[in-house]
Amino acid sequence: MADRTGIFAGDDPFAIVAAWLAQAERSEPNDPNAIALSTVDPDGLPNVRMVLLKDIEGDAFVFYTNYSSTKGKELVASGKAAFVIHWKSLRRQVRVRGLISREDGPQADAYFASRSLKSRLGAWASAQSSPLARRADLMAKFARITAEKGTAPERPPFWGGFRLRPVEIEFWADGAFRLHDRFRWRRPELSAPWEVQRLNP
Protein backbone atom coordinates (compact mmCIF):
# COMPACT_ATOMS: atom_id res chain seq x y z
CA MET A 1 0.00 0.00 0.00
CA ALA A 2 1.64 3.20 -1.19
CA ASP A 3 0.02 5.19 1.61
CA ARG A 4 1.75 3.05 4.26
CA THR A 5 5.19 4.63 4.57
CA GLY A 6 7.57 5.77 7.28
CA ILE A 7 6.98 4.11 10.64
CA PHE A 8 4.17 2.00 9.13
CA ALA A 9 6.22 0.61 6.22
CA GLY A 10 6.97 -3.08 5.86
CA ASP A 11 5.43 -6.43 5.00
CA ASP A 12 5.86 -8.05 8.44
CA PRO A 13 3.72 -6.66 11.30
CA PHE A 14 5.86 -8.41 13.92
CA ALA A 15 8.95 -6.62 12.62
CA ILE A 16 7.07 -3.31 12.85
CA VAL A 17 6.09 -4.01 16.47
CA ALA A 18 9.68 -4.96 17.28
CA ALA A 19 10.99 -1.76 15.69
CA TRP A 20 8.52 0.38 17.62
CA LEU A 21 9.41 -1.43 20.86
CA ALA A 22 13.13 -0.87 20.22
CA GLN A 23 12.43 2.85 19.85
CA ALA A 24 10.34 2.87 23.02
CA GLU A 25 13.17 1.21 24.95
CA ARG A 26 15.19 4.38 24.37
CA SER A 27 12.47 6.79 25.45
CA GLU A 28 10.03 5.18 27.90
CA PRO A 29 11.06 5.69 31.54
CA ASN A 30 9.67 2.36 32.79
CA ASP A 31 8.68 -1.00 31.31
CA PRO A 32 8.40 -0.21 27.59
CA ASN A 33 7.27 -3.83 27.13
CA ALA A 34 4.25 -3.46 29.46
CA ILE A 35 0.99 -4.57 27.85
CA ALA A 36 -2.60 -4.28 29.07
CA LEU A 37 -3.79 -7.87 28.65
CA SER A 38 -7.53 -8.50 28.32
CA THR A 39 -9.33 -11.79 28.98
CA VAL A 40 -12.94 -12.75 29.70
CA ASP A 41 -14.41 -14.81 32.52
CA PRO A 42 -16.91 -17.67 31.98
CA ASP A 43 -19.77 -15.13 31.89
CA GLY A 44 -18.04 -13.04 29.22
CA LEU A 45 -17.16 -10.23 31.66
CA PRO A 46 -13.82 -8.69 30.62
CA ASN A 47 -10.73 -8.55 32.80
CA VAL A 48 -7.65 -6.46 32.09
CA ARG A 49 -4.26 -6.13 33.79
CA MET A 50 -0.69 -5.14 33.01
CA VAL A 51 1.85 -7.83 32.19
CA LEU A 52 5.26 -7.75 30.53
CA LEU A 53 5.70 -8.88 26.94
CA LYS A 54 8.81 -11.04 26.96
CA ASP A 55 9.27 -12.13 23.35
CA ILE A 56 8.19 -11.20 19.84
CA GLU A 57 8.48 -14.27 17.66
CA GLY A 58 8.03 -14.62 13.93
CA ASP A 59 4.29 -15.18 14.32
CA ALA A 60 3.45 -14.67 18.00
CA PHE A 61 3.82 -12.66 21.18
CA VAL A 62 4.93 -14.40 24.40
CA PHE A 63 4.37 -13.52 28.07
CA TYR A 64 4.57 -15.49 31.32
CA THR A 65 2.39 -15.93 34.39
CA ASN A 66 1.01 -18.30 37.00
CA TYR A 67 -1.31 -20.76 35.26
CA SER A 68 -3.50 -20.90 38.38
CA SER A 69 -4.04 -17.13 38.43
CA THR A 70 -7.28 -15.59 37.25
CA LYS A 71 -5.73 -14.59 33.93
CA GLY A 72 -4.14 -18.00 33.50
CA LYS A 73 -7.45 -19.79 34.01
CA GLU A 74 -9.33 -17.40 31.72
CA LEU A 75 -6.71 -17.70 28.98
CA VAL A 76 -6.93 -21.50 29.03
CA ALA A 77 -10.74 -21.52 29.18
CA SER A 78 -11.34 -19.18 26.25
CA GLY A 79 -8.21 -19.76 24.17
CA LYS A 80 -8.39 -16.10 23.15
CA ALA A 81 -7.00 -12.78 24.37
CA ALA A 82 -6.24 -9.22 23.38
CA PHE A 83 -3.72 -6.63 24.48
CA VAL A 84 -2.74 -3.05 23.89
CA ILE A 85 0.74 -1.62 24.30
CA HIS A 86 0.95 2.15 24.59
CA TRP A 87 4.07 4.29 24.45
CA LYS A 88 3.33 7.78 25.71
CA SER A 89 6.80 9.04 24.76
CA LEU A 90 6.28 7.97 21.12
CA ARG A 91 2.56 8.79 21.05
CA ARG A 92 1.91 5.37 19.52
CA GLN A 93 0.08 2.20 20.40
CA VAL A 94 -0.43 -1.32 19.08
CA ARG A 95 -3.60 -3.36 19.59
CA VAL A 96 -3.51 -7.15 19.19
CA ARG A 97 -6.26 -9.81 19.19
CA GLY A 98 -5.72 -13.52 18.73
CA LEU A 99 -5.54 -17.12 19.83
CA ILE A 100 -3.73 -18.44 22.91
CA SER A 101 -1.59 -21.53 23.52
CA ARG A 102 0.63 -22.48 26.45
CA GLU A 103 4.42 -22.36 26.38
CA ASP A 104 5.55 -24.73 29.10
CA GLY A 105 8.60 -26.38 27.54
CA PRO A 106 12.32 -25.60 27.40
CA GLN A 107 11.66 -21.98 26.38
CA ALA A 108 9.69 -21.41 29.58
CA ASP A 109 12.41 -23.14 31.60
CA ALA A 110 15.07 -20.89 30.08
CA TYR A 111 13.12 -17.73 30.73
CA PHE A 112 12.37 -18.74 34.33
CA ALA A 113 16.07 -19.43 34.92
CA SER A 114 16.92 -15.95 33.61
CA ARG A 115 14.81 -14.23 36.26
CA SER A 116 16.30 -12.96 39.51
CA LEU A 117 16.51 -15.51 42.32
CA LYS A 118 13.98 -13.64 44.45
CA SER A 119 11.52 -13.51 41.54
CA ARG A 120 11.88 -17.26 41.04
CA LEU A 121 11.31 -17.94 44.73
CA GLY A 122 8.39 -15.51 44.72
CA ALA A 123 6.75 -17.46 41.91
CA TRP A 124 6.81 -20.54 44.14
CA ALA A 125 5.54 -18.64 47.19
CA SER A 126 2.59 -16.80 45.66
CA ALA A 127 -0.74 -18.52 45.03
CA GLN A 128 -1.48 -15.72 42.60
CA SER A 129 -5.00 -14.23 42.62
CA SER A 130 -6.17 -16.31 45.60
CA PRO A 131 -7.21 -14.59 48.86
CA LEU A 132 -4.44 -13.70 51.32
CA ALA A 133 -5.28 -13.03 54.96
CA ARG A 134 -2.06 -11.21 55.88
CA ARG A 135 1.11 -10.15 54.08
CA ALA A 136 3.05 -11.71 56.96
CA ASP A 137 1.72 -15.11 55.88
CA LEU A 138 3.11 -14.60 52.39
CA MET A 139 6.50 -13.51 53.73
CA ALA A 140 6.63 -16.55 56.02
CA LYS A 141 5.88 -18.82 53.06
CA PHE A 142 8.57 -17.04 51.04
CA ALA A 143 11.08 -17.75 53.84
CA ARG A 144 10.11 -21.45 53.90
CA ILE A 145 10.39 -21.72 50.11
CA THR A 146 13.80 -20.03 50.22
CA ALA A 147 15.03 -22.59 52.73
CA GLU A 148 13.57 -25.49 50.74
CA LYS A 149 14.53 -24.46 47.20
CA GLY A 150 17.91 -22.84 47.79
CA THR A 151 19.66 -20.87 45.05
CA ALA A 152 18.50 -22.86 41.99
CA PRO A 153 14.74 -23.32 42.15
CA GLU A 154 13.25 -25.11 39.17
CA ARG A 155 10.29 -23.67 37.29
CA PRO A 156 7.04 -24.45 39.14
CA PRO A 157 4.65 -26.72 37.22
CA PHE A 158 1.95 -24.07 37.70
CA TRP A 159 4.01 -21.28 36.13
CA GLY A 160 4.93 -20.72 32.49
CA GLY A 161 4.25 -18.90 29.28
CA PHE A 162 1.43 -18.12 26.92
CA ARG A 163 1.83 -17.50 23.22
CA LEU A 164 -0.65 -15.18 21.51
CA ARG A 165 -0.90 -15.71 17.75
CA PRO A 166 -2.79 -12.74 16.35
CA VAL A 167 -5.55 -12.59 13.80
CA GLU A 168 -5.60 -8.80 14.09
CA ILE A 169 -2.94 -6.16 14.77
CA GLU A 170 -3.64 -2.46 14.68
CA PHE A 171 -0.94 0.23 14.59
CA TRP A 172 -1.87 3.72 15.81
CA ALA A 173 0.16 6.92 15.79
CA ASP A 174 -0.91 10.32 17.07
CA GLY A 175 -1.80 12.89 14.42
CA ALA A 176 -2.37 16.65 14.35
CA PHE A 177 -5.91 17.79 15.18
CA ARG A 178 -6.60 14.25 16.47
CA LEU A 179 -6.49 13.00 12.87
CA HIS A 180 -4.49 9.94 13.87
CA ASP A 181 -2.95 7.36 11.57
CA ARG A 182 -4.33 3.83 11.97
CA PHE A 183 -3.55 0.69 9.99
CA ARG A 184 -5.25 -2.62 10.73
CA TRP A 185 -3.65 -5.92 9.72
CA ARG A 186 -6.24 -8.71 9.68
CA ARG A 187 -6.39 -12.36 8.65
CA PRO A 188 -9.40 -14.69 8.91
CA GLU A 189 -7.24 -17.52 10.25
CA LEU A 190 -3.62 -18.02 11.27
CA SER A 191 -2.61 -19.63 7.97
CA ALA A 192 -4.15 -16.88 5.84
CA PRO A 193 -2.24 -13.90 4.42
CA TRP A 194 -2.60 -10.51 6.07
CA GLU A 195 -4.90 -7.86 4.68
CA VAL A 196 -4.02 -4.27 5.56
CA GLN A 197 -6.47 -1.37 5.72
CA ARG A 198 -6.12 2.24 6.73
CA LEU A 199 -8.79 3.20 9.27
CA ASN A 200 -10.39 6.52 10.08
CA PRO A 201 -9.09 7.97 13.34
C-alpha atoms as a PDB file:
ATOM      1  CA  MET A   1       0.000   0.000   0.000  1.00  0.00           C
ATOM      2  CA  ALA A   2       1.642   3.204  -1.189  1.00  0.00           C
ATOM      3  CA  ASP A   3       0.024   5.191   1.607  1.00  0.00           C
ATOM      4  CA  ARG A   4       1.746   3.045   4.257  1.00  0.00           C
ATOM      5  CA  THR A   5       5.187   4.625   4.567  1.00  0.00           C
ATOM      6  CA  GLY A   6       7.569   5.772   7.280  1.00  0.00           C
ATOM      7  CA  ILE A   7       6.984   4.107  10.642  1.00  0.00           C
ATOM      8  CA  PHE A   8       4.171   1.998   9.132  1.00  0.00           C
ATOM      9  CA  ALA A   9       6.219   0.612   6.223  1.00  0.00           C
ATOM     10  CA  GLY A  10       6.967  -3.085   5.863  1.00  0.00           C
ATOM     11  CA  ASP A  11       5.427  -6.430   5.004  1.00  0.00           C
ATOM     12  CA  ASP A  12       5.861  -8.046   8.441  1.00  0.00           C
ATOM     13  CA  PRO A  13       3.723  -6.661  11.304  1.00  0.00           C
ATOM     14  CA  PHE A  14       5.859  -8.413  13.921  1.00  0.00           C
ATOM     15  CA  ALA A  15       8.946  -6.620  12.623  1.00  0.00           C
ATOM     16  CA  ILE A  16       7.075  -3.306  12.850  1.00  0.00           C
ATOM     17  CA  VAL A  17       6.093  -4.006  16.470  1.00  0.00           C
ATOM     18  CA  ALA A  18       9.678  -4.965  17.278  1.00  0.00           C
ATOM     19  CA  ALA A  19      10.994  -1.761  15.687  1.00  0.00           C
ATOM     20  CA  TRP A  20       8.519   0.383  17.620  1.00  0.00           C
ATOM     21  CA  LEU A  21       9.405  -1.425  20.858  1.00  0.00           C
ATOM     22  CA  ALA A  22      13.130  -0.866  20.223  1.00  0.00           C
ATOM     23  CA  GLN A  23      12.429   2.848  19.846  1.00  0.00           C
ATOM     24  CA  ALA A  24      10.341   2.874  23.020  1.00  0.00           C
ATOM     25  CA  GLU A  25      13.169   1.211  24.954  1.00  0.00           C
ATOM     26  CA  ARG A  26      15.195   4.380  24.366  1.00  0.00           C
ATOM     27  CA  SER A  27      12.471   6.793  25.453  1.00  0.00           C
ATOM     28  CA  GLU A  28      10.031   5.178  27.898  1.00  0.00           C
ATOM     29  CA  PRO A  29      11.056   5.694  31.536  1.00  0.00           C
ATOM     30  CA  ASN A  30       9.665   2.359  32.791  1.00  0.00           C
ATOM     31  CA  ASP A  31       8.682  -0.999  31.308  1.00  0.00           C
ATOM     32  CA  PRO A  32       8.397  -0.207  27.590  1.00  0.00           C
ATOM     33  CA  ASN A  33       7.270  -3.828  27.131  1.00  0.00           C
ATOM     34  CA  ALA A  34       4.253  -3.464  29.456  1.00  0.00           C
ATOM     35  CA  ILE A  35       0.992  -4.569  27.846  1.00  0.00           C
ATOM     36  CA  ALA A  36      -2.600  -4.284  29.069  1.00  0.00           C
ATOM     37  CA  LEU A  37      -3.787  -7.871  28.645  1.00  0.00           C
ATOM     38  CA  SER A  38      -7.533  -8.497  28.319  1.00  0.00           C
ATOM     39  CA  THR A  39      -9.325 -11.790  28.982  1.00  0.00           C
ATOM     40  CA  VAL A  40     -12.935 -12.746  29.699  1.00  0.00           C
ATOM     41  CA  ASP A  41     -14.414 -14.807  32.522  1.00  0.00           C
ATOM     42  CA  PRO A  42     -16.913 -17.673  31.975  1.00  0.00           C
ATOM     43  CA  ASP A  43     -19.773 -15.134  31.888  1.00  0.00           C
ATOM     44  CA  GLY A  44     -18.043 -13.044  29.225  1.00  0.00           C
ATOM     45  CA  LEU A  45     -17.163 -10.234  31.657  1.00  0.00           C
ATOM     46  CA  PRO A  46     -13.817  -8.687  30.617  1.00  0.00           C
ATOM     47  CA  ASN A  47     -10.732  -8.546  32.805  1.00  0.00           C
ATOM     48  CA  VAL A  48      -7.645  -6.457  32.090  1.00  0.00           C
ATOM     49  CA  ARG A  49      -4.255  -6.132  33.795  1.00  0.00           C
ATOM     50  CA  MET A  50      -0.695  -5.138  33.014  1.00  0.00           C
ATOM     51  CA  VAL A  51       1.853  -7.835  32.194  1.00  0.00           C
ATOM     52  CA  LEU A  52       5.264  -7.748  30.532  1.00  0.00           C
ATOM     53  CA  LEU A  53       5.699  -8.876  26.944  1.00  0.00           C
ATOM     54  CA  LYS A  54       8.809 -11.039  26.960  1.00  0.00           C
ATOM     55  CA  ASP A  55       9.273 -12.130  23.351  1.00  0.00           C
ATOM     56  CA  ILE A  56       8.186 -11.199  19.845  1.00  0.00           C
ATOM     57  CA  GLU A  57       8.480 -14.271  17.657  1.00  0.00           C
ATOM     58  CA  GLY A  58       8.029 -14.620  13.929  1.00  0.00           C
ATOM     59  CA  ASP A  59       4.288 -15.181  14.317  1.00  0.00           C
ATOM     60  CA  ALA A  60       3.450 -14.674  17.998  1.00  0.00           C
ATOM     61  CA  PHE A  61       3.823 -12.658  21.185  1.00  0.00           C
ATOM     62  CA  VAL A  62       4.929 -14.398  24.400  1.00  0.00           C
ATOM     63  CA  PHE A  63       4.365 -13.520  28.067  1.00  0.00           C
ATOM     64  CA  TYR A  64       4.573 -15.487  31.324  1.00  0.00           C
ATOM     65  CA  THR A  65       2.387 -15.929  34.391  1.00  0.00           C
ATOM     66  CA  ASN A  66       1.010 -18.302  37.002  1.00  0.00           C
ATOM     67  CA  TYR A  67      -1.306 -20.761  35.257  1.00  0.00           C
ATOM     68  CA  SER A  68      -3.504 -20.900  38.380  1.00  0.00           C
ATOM     69  CA  SER A  69      -4.038 -17.132  38.425  1.00  0.00           C
ATOM     70  CA  THR A  70      -7.280 -15.586  37.251  1.00  0.00           C
ATOM     71  CA  LYS A  71      -5.732 -14.593  33.930  1.00  0.00           C
ATOM     72  CA  GLY A  72      -4.142 -18.005  33.497  1.00  0.00           C
ATOM     73  CA  LYS A  73      -7.455 -19.789  34.011  1.00  0.00           C
ATOM     74  CA  GLU A  74      -9.327 -17.396  31.720  1.00  0.00           C
ATOM     75  CA  LEU A  75      -6.711 -17.704  28.981  1.00  0.00           C
ATOM     76  CA  VAL A  76      -6.933 -21.499  29.028  1.00  0.00           C
ATOM     77  CA  ALA A  77     -10.738 -21.515  29.178  1.00  0.00           C
ATOM     78  CA  SER A  78     -11.342 -19.177  26.252  1.00  0.00           C
ATOM     79  CA  GLY A  79      -8.213 -19.755  24.173  1.00  0.00           C
ATOM     80  CA  LYS A  80      -8.386 -16.102  23.145  1.00  0.00           C
ATOM     81  CA  ALA A  81      -6.998 -12.779  24.369  1.00  0.00           C
ATOM     82  CA  ALA A  82      -6.244  -9.216  23.385  1.00  0.00           C
ATOM     83  CA  PHE A  83      -3.723  -6.628  24.483  1.00  0.00           C
ATOM     84  CA  VAL A  84      -2.738  -3.046  23.893  1.00  0.00           C
ATOM     85  CA  ILE A  85       0.742  -1.623  24.295  1.00  0.00           C
ATOM     86  CA  HIS A  86       0.946   2.153  24.590  1.00  0.00           C
ATOM     87  CA  TRP A  87       4.074   4.289  24.447  1.00  0.00           C
ATOM     88  CA  LYS A  88       3.327   7.776  25.705  1.00  0.00           C
ATOM     89  CA  SER A  89       6.797   9.036  24.763  1.00  0.00           C
ATOM     90  CA  LEU A  90       6.283   7.972  21.119  1.00  0.00           C
ATOM     91  CA  ARG A  91       2.565   8.787  21.046  1.00  0.00           C
ATOM     92  CA  ARG A  92       1.905   5.374  19.523  1.00  0.00           C
ATOM     93  CA  GLN A  93       0.081   2.196  20.401  1.00  0.00           C
ATOM     94  CA  VAL A  94      -0.435  -1.323  19.085  1.00  0.00           C
ATOM     95  CA  ARG A  95      -3.597  -3.359  19.587  1.00  0.00           C
ATOM     96  CA  VAL A  96      -3.514  -7.150  19.192  1.00  0.00           C
ATOM     97  CA  ARG A  97      -6.255  -9.809  19.195  1.00  0.00           C
ATOM     98  CA  GLY A  98      -5.724 -13.521  18.733  1.00  0.00           C
ATOM     99  CA  LEU A  99      -5.537 -17.122  19.835  1.00  0.00           C
ATOM    100  CA  ILE A 100      -3.729 -18.443  22.906  1.00  0.00           C
ATOM    101  CA  SER A 101      -1.587 -21.525  23.525  1.00  0.00           C
ATOM    102  CA  ARG A 102       0.630 -22.480  26.451  1.00  0.00           C
ATOM    103  CA  GLU A 103       4.416 -22.359  26.379  1.00  0.00           C
ATOM    104  CA  ASP A 104       5.551 -24.734  29.105  1.00  0.00           C
ATOM    105  CA  GLY A 105       8.600 -26.382  27.543  1.00  0.00           C
ATOM    106  CA  PRO A 106      12.321 -25.601  27.398  1.00  0.00           C
ATOM    107  CA  GLN A 107      11.660 -21.983  26.384  1.00  0.00           C
ATOM    108  CA  ALA A 108       9.689 -21.409  29.576  1.00  0.00           C
ATOM    109  CA  ASP A 109      12.408 -23.144  31.602  1.00  0.00           C
ATOM    110  CA  ALA A 110      15.073 -20.894  30.080  1.00  0.00           C
ATOM    111  CA  TYR A 111      13.120 -17.728  30.729  1.00  0.00           C
ATOM    112  CA  PHE A 112      12.370 -18.743  34.329  1.00  0.00           C
ATOM    113  CA  ALA A 113      16.072 -19.433  34.923  1.00  0.00           C
ATOM    114  CA  SER A 114      16.925 -15.953  33.612  1.00  0.00           C
ATOM    115  CA  ARG A 115      14.811 -14.229  36.264  1.00  0.00           C
ATOM    116  CA  SER A 116      16.304 -12.959  39.507  1.00  0.00           C
ATOM    117  CA  LEU A 117      16.509 -15.507  42.320  1.00  0.00           C
ATOM    118  CA  LYS A 118      13.978 -13.640  44.451  1.00  0.00           C
ATOM    119  CA  SER A 119      11.522 -13.507  41.537  1.00  0.00           C
ATOM    120  CA  ARG A 120      11.878 -17.262  41.041  1.00  0.00           C
ATOM    121  CA  LEU A 121      11.307 -17.940  44.727  1.00  0.00           C
ATOM    122  CA  GLY A 122       8.394 -15.505  44.721  1.00  0.00           C
ATOM    123  CA  ALA A 123       6.750 -17.458  41.905  1.00  0.00           C
ATOM    124  CA  TRP A 124       6.813 -20.537  44.136  1.00  0.00           C
ATOM    125  CA  ALA A 125       5.541 -18.639  47.194  1.00  0.00           C
ATOM    126  CA  SER A 126       2.585 -16.798  45.663  1.00  0.00           C
ATOM    127  CA  ALA A 127      -0.737 -18.522  45.025  1.00  0.00           C
ATOM    128  CA  GLN A 128      -1.481 -15.720  42.595  1.00  0.00           C
ATOM    129  CA  SER A 129      -5.001 -14.229  42.624  1.00  0.00           C
ATOM    130  CA  SER A 130      -6.169 -16.313  45.602  1.00  0.00           C
ATOM    131  CA  PRO A 131      -7.213 -14.592  48.861  1.00  0.00           C
ATOM    132  CA  LEU A 132      -4.444 -13.704  51.319  1.00  0.00           C
ATOM    133  CA  ALA A 133      -5.280 -13.025  54.962  1.00  0.00           C
ATOM    134  CA  ARG A 134      -2.064 -11.209  55.881  1.00  0.00           C
ATOM    135  CA  ARG A 135       1.106 -10.150  54.083  1.00  0.00           C
ATOM    136  CA  ALA A 136       3.047 -11.707  56.955  1.00  0.00           C
ATOM    137  CA  ASP A 137       1.724 -15.114  55.884  1.00  0.00           C
ATOM    138  CA  LEU A 138       3.115 -14.598  52.392  1.00  0.00           C
ATOM    139  CA  MET A 139       6.496 -13.515  53.726  1.00  0.00           C
ATOM    140  CA  ALA A 140       6.629 -16.545  56.018  1.00  0.00           C
ATOM    141  CA  LYS A 141       5.882 -18.825  53.065  1.00  0.00           C
ATOM    142  CA  PHE A 142       8.566 -17.039  51.042  1.00  0.00           C
ATOM    143  CA  ALA A 143      11.078 -17.755  53.835  1.00  0.00           C
ATOM    144  CA  ARG A 144      10.107 -21.447  53.896  1.00  0.00           C
ATOM    145  CA  ILE A 145      10.390 -21.722  50.110  1.00  0.00           C
ATOM    146  CA  THR A 146      13.795 -20.026  50.216  1.00  0.00           C
ATOM    147  CA  ALA A 147      15.032 -22.588  52.732  1.00  0.00           C
ATOM    148  CA  GLU A 148      13.572 -25.491  50.739  1.00  0.00           C
ATOM    149  CA  LYS A 149      14.531 -24.461  47.196  1.00  0.00           C
ATOM    150  CA  GLY A 150      17.909 -22.837  47.787  1.00  0.00           C
ATOM    151  CA  THR A 151      19.658 -20.874  45.046  1.00  0.00           C
ATOM    152  CA  ALA A 152      18.504 -22.865  41.995  1.00  0.00           C
ATOM    153  CA  PRO A 153      14.736 -23.318  42.151  1.00  0.00           C
ATOM    154  CA  GLU A 154      13.249 -25.108  39.166  1.00  0.00           C
ATOM    155  CA  ARG A 155      10.288 -23.669  37.294  1.00  0.00           C
ATOM    156  CA  PRO A 156       7.037 -24.452  39.139  1.00  0.00           C
ATOM    157  CA  PRO A 157       4.652 -26.719  37.223  1.00  0.00           C
ATOM    158  CA  PHE A 158       1.947 -24.071  37.697  1.00  0.00           C
ATOM    159  CA  TRP A 159       4.010 -21.275  36.130  1.00  0.00           C
ATOM    160  CA  GLY A 160       4.933 -20.720  32.493  1.00  0.00           C
ATOM    161  CA  GLY A 161       4.247 -18.900  29.283  1.00  0.00           C
ATOM    162  CA  PHE A 162       1.432 -18.117  26.920  1.00  0.00           C
ATOM    163  CA  ARG A 163       1.828 -17.497  23.219  1.00  0.00           C
ATOM    164  CA  LEU A 164      -0.654 -15.177  21.511  1.00  0.00           C
ATOM    165  CA  ARG A 165      -0.903 -15.715  17.752  1.00  0.00           C
ATOM    166  CA  PRO A 166      -2.790 -12.738  16.354  1.00  0.00           C
ATOM    167  CA  VAL A 167      -5.552 -12.592  13.800  1.00  0.00           C
ATOM    168  CA  GLU A 168      -5.596  -8.804  14.090  1.00  0.00           C
ATOM    169  CA  ILE A 169      -2.935  -6.162  14.769  1.00  0.00           C
ATOM    170  CA  GLU A 170      -3.637  -2.456  14.684  1.00  0.00           C
ATOM    171  CA  PHE A 171      -0.942   0.226  14.590  1.00  0.00           C
ATOM    172  CA  TRP A 172      -1.873   3.715  15.812  1.00  0.00           C
ATOM    173  CA  ALA A 173       0.160   6.924  15.790  1.00  0.00           C
ATOM    174  CA  ASP A 174      -0.912  10.317  17.072  1.00  0.00           C
ATOM    175  CA  GLY A 175      -1.797  12.889  14.424  1.00  0.00           C
ATOM    176  CA  ALA A 176      -2.371  16.647  14.353  1.00  0.00           C
ATOM    177  CA  PHE A 177      -5.913  17.795  15.181  1.00  0.00           C
ATOM    178  CA  ARG A 178      -6.596  14.254  16.467  1.00  0.00           C
ATOM    179  CA  LEU A 179      -6.491  13.004  12.873  1.00  0.00           C
ATOM    180  CA  HIS A 180      -4.494   9.942  13.873  1.00  0.00           C
ATOM    181  CA  ASP A 181      -2.948   7.356  11.566  1.00  0.00           C
ATOM    182  CA  ARG A 182      -4.331   3.826  11.970  1.00  0.00           C
ATOM    183  CA  PHE A 183      -3.552   0.689   9.993  1.00  0.00           C
ATOM    184  CA  ARG A 184      -5.251  -2.624  10.734  1.00  0.00           C
ATOM    185  CA  TRP A 185      -3.654  -5.923   9.720  1.00  0.00           C
ATOM    186  CA  ARG A 186      -6.239  -8.706   9.682  1.00  0.00           C
ATOM    187  CA  ARG A 187      -6.387 -12.358   8.647  1.00  0.00           C
ATOM    188  CA  PRO A 188      -9.400 -14.692   8.905  1.00  0.00           C
ATOM    189  CA  GLU A 189      -7.236 -17.524  10.252  1.00  0.00           C
ATOM    190  CA  LEU A 190      -3.621 -18.019  11.270  1.00  0.00           C
ATOM    191  CA  SER A 191      -2.607 -19.633   7.975  1.00  0.00           C
ATOM    192  CA  ALA A 192      -4.146 -16.875   5.836  1.00  0.00           C
ATOM    193  CA  PRO A 193      -2.235 -13.899   4.422  1.00  0.00           C
ATOM    194  CA  TRP A 194      -2.596 -10.514   6.071  1.00  0.00           C
ATOM    195  CA  GLU A 195      -4.905  -7.858   4.675  1.00  0.00           C
ATOM    196  CA  VAL A 196      -4.018  -4.274   5.559  1.00  0.00           C
ATOM    197  CA  GLN A 197      -6.472  -1.366   5.719  1.00  0.00           C
ATOM    198  CA  ARG A 198      -6.118   2.238   6.729  1.00  0.00           C
ATOM    199  CA  LEU A 199      -8.792   3.202   9.273  1.00  0.00           C
ATOM    200  CA  ASN A 200     -10.388   6.516  10.084  1.00  0.00           C
ATOM    201  CA  PRO A 201      -9.086   7.974  13.345  1.00  0.00           C
END
